[in-house]
Amino acid sequence: MTAMTVFYAAVFFFSQSMLGWAAATAVPERFQVLWTRVVEPNPSQQLPGEI
């Protein structure tokens, strides 16, 4: 039981760096988005949506 608690806490804290932005640096003050495509989910047509 103790080992599982320690394992859970370790995974939680060590995986925090993998969430969100790919780098630890801030987003530049100025940048350009060259291309993007967003498809909204549509449950009636069973489309999950995508980015």
C-alpha atoms as a PDB file:
ATOM      1  CA  MET A   1       0.000   0.000   0.000  1.00  0.00           C
ATOM      2  CA  THR A   2       2.799   2.427   0.882  1.00  0.00           C
ATOM      3  CA  ALA A   3       4.710   1.572  -2.303  1.00  0.00           C
ATOM      4  CA  MET A   4       1.653   2.336  -4.415  1.00  0.00           C
ATOM      5  CA  THR A   5       1.180   5.716  -2.714  1.00  0.00           C
ATOM      6  CA  VAL A   6       4.825   6.630  -3.278  1.00  0.00           C
ATOM      7  CA  PHE A   7       4.611   5.472  -6.910  1.00  0.00           C
ATOM      8  CA  TYR A   8       1.458   7.542  -7.488  1.00  0.00           C
ATOM      9  CA  ALA A   9       3.051  10.669  -5.988  1.00  0.00           C
ATOM     10  CA  ALA A  10       6.248  10.198  -8.027  1.00  0.00           C
ATOM     11  CA  VAL A  11       4.349   9.773 -11.293  1.00  0.00           C
ATOM     12  CA  PHE A  12       2.209  12.816 -10.512  1.00  0.00           C
ATOM     13  CA  PHE A  13       5.157  15.131  -9.806  1.00  0.00           C
ATOM     14  CA  PHE A  14       7.483  13.849 -12.539  1.00  0.00           C
ATOM     15  CA  SER A  15       4.773  14.008 -15.223  1.00  0.00           C
ATOM     16  CA  GLN A  16       3.941  17.677 -14.533  1.00  0.00           C
ATOM     17  CA  SER A  17       6.678  18.795 -16.937  1.00  0.00           C
ATOM     18  CA  MET A  18       4.971  16.884 -19.762  1.00  0.00           C
ATOM     19  CA  LEU A  19       1.682  18.782 -19.520  1.00  0.00           C
ATOM     20  CA  GLY A  20       0.855  21.893 -21.503  1.00  0.00           C
ATOM     21  CA  TRP A  21       3.525  23.629 -23.575  1.00  0.00           C
ATOM     22  CA  ALA A  22       6.250  21.516 -25.114  1.00  0.00           C
ATOM     23  CA  ALA A  23       8.967  23.744 -23.601  1.00  0.00           C
ATOM     24  CA  ALA A  24       9.414  25.384 -20.224  1.00  0.00           C
ATOM     25  CA  THR A  25      10.005  28.768 -21.867  1.00  0.00           C
ATOM     26  CA  ALA A  26       7.269  31.367 -22.284  1.00  0.00           C
ATOM     27  CA  VAL A  27       5.475  31.976 -25.566  1.00  0.00           C
ATOM     28  CA  PRO A  28       7.301  34.683 -27.565  1.00  0.00           C
ATOM     29  CA  GLU A  29       5.827  38.151 -27.457  1.00  0.00           C
ATOM     30  CA  ARG A  30       5.323  38.061 -31.221  1.00  0.00           C
ATOM     31  CA  PHE A  31       4.851  35.003 -33.427  1.00  0.00           C
ATOM     32  CA  GLN A  32       2.946  33.871 -36.527  1.00  0.00           C
ATOM     33  CA  VAL A  33       0.626  30.911 -36.917  1.00  0.00           C
ATOM     34  CA  LEU A  34       1.193  29.703 -40.451  1.00  0.00           C
ATOM     35  CA  TRP A  35      -1.604  27.172 -40.674  1.00  0.00           C
ATOM     36  CA  THR A  36      -4.236  25.538 -38.488  1.00  0.00           C
ATOM     37  CA  ARG A  37      -7.327  23.407 -38.917  1.00  0.00           C
ATOM     38  CA  VAL A  38     -10.019  22.910 -36.293  1.00  0.00           C
ATOM     39  CA  VAL A  39     -12.926  20.518 -36.818  1.00  0.00           C
ATOM     40  CA  GLU A  40     -15.668  20.922 -34.241  1.00  0.00           C
ATOM     41  CA  PRO A  41     -17.160  17.755 -32.734  1.00  0.00           C
ATOM     42  CA  ASN A  42     -20.512  16.760 -34.221  1.00  0.00           C
ATOM     43  CA  PRO A  43     -22.267  14.057 -32.168  1.00  0.00           C
ATOM     44  CA  SER A  44     -25.183  13.761 -34.619  1.00  0.00           C
ATOM     45  CA  GLN A  45     -22.787  12.645 -37.376  1.00  0.00           C
ATOM     46  CA  GLN A  46     -20.502  10.787 -34.927  1.00  0.00           C
ATOM     47  CA  LEU A  47     -17.529  13.029 -35.701  1.00  0.00           C
ATOM     48  CA  PRO A  48     -15.212  13.414 -32.663  1.00  0.00           C
ATOM     49  CA  GLY A  49     -13.572  16.605 -33.931  1.00  0.00           C
ATOM     50  CA  GLU A  50      -9.869  17.291 -34.292  1.00  0.00           C
ATOM     51  CA  ILE A  51      -7.221  19.963 -34.276  1.00  0.00           C
END
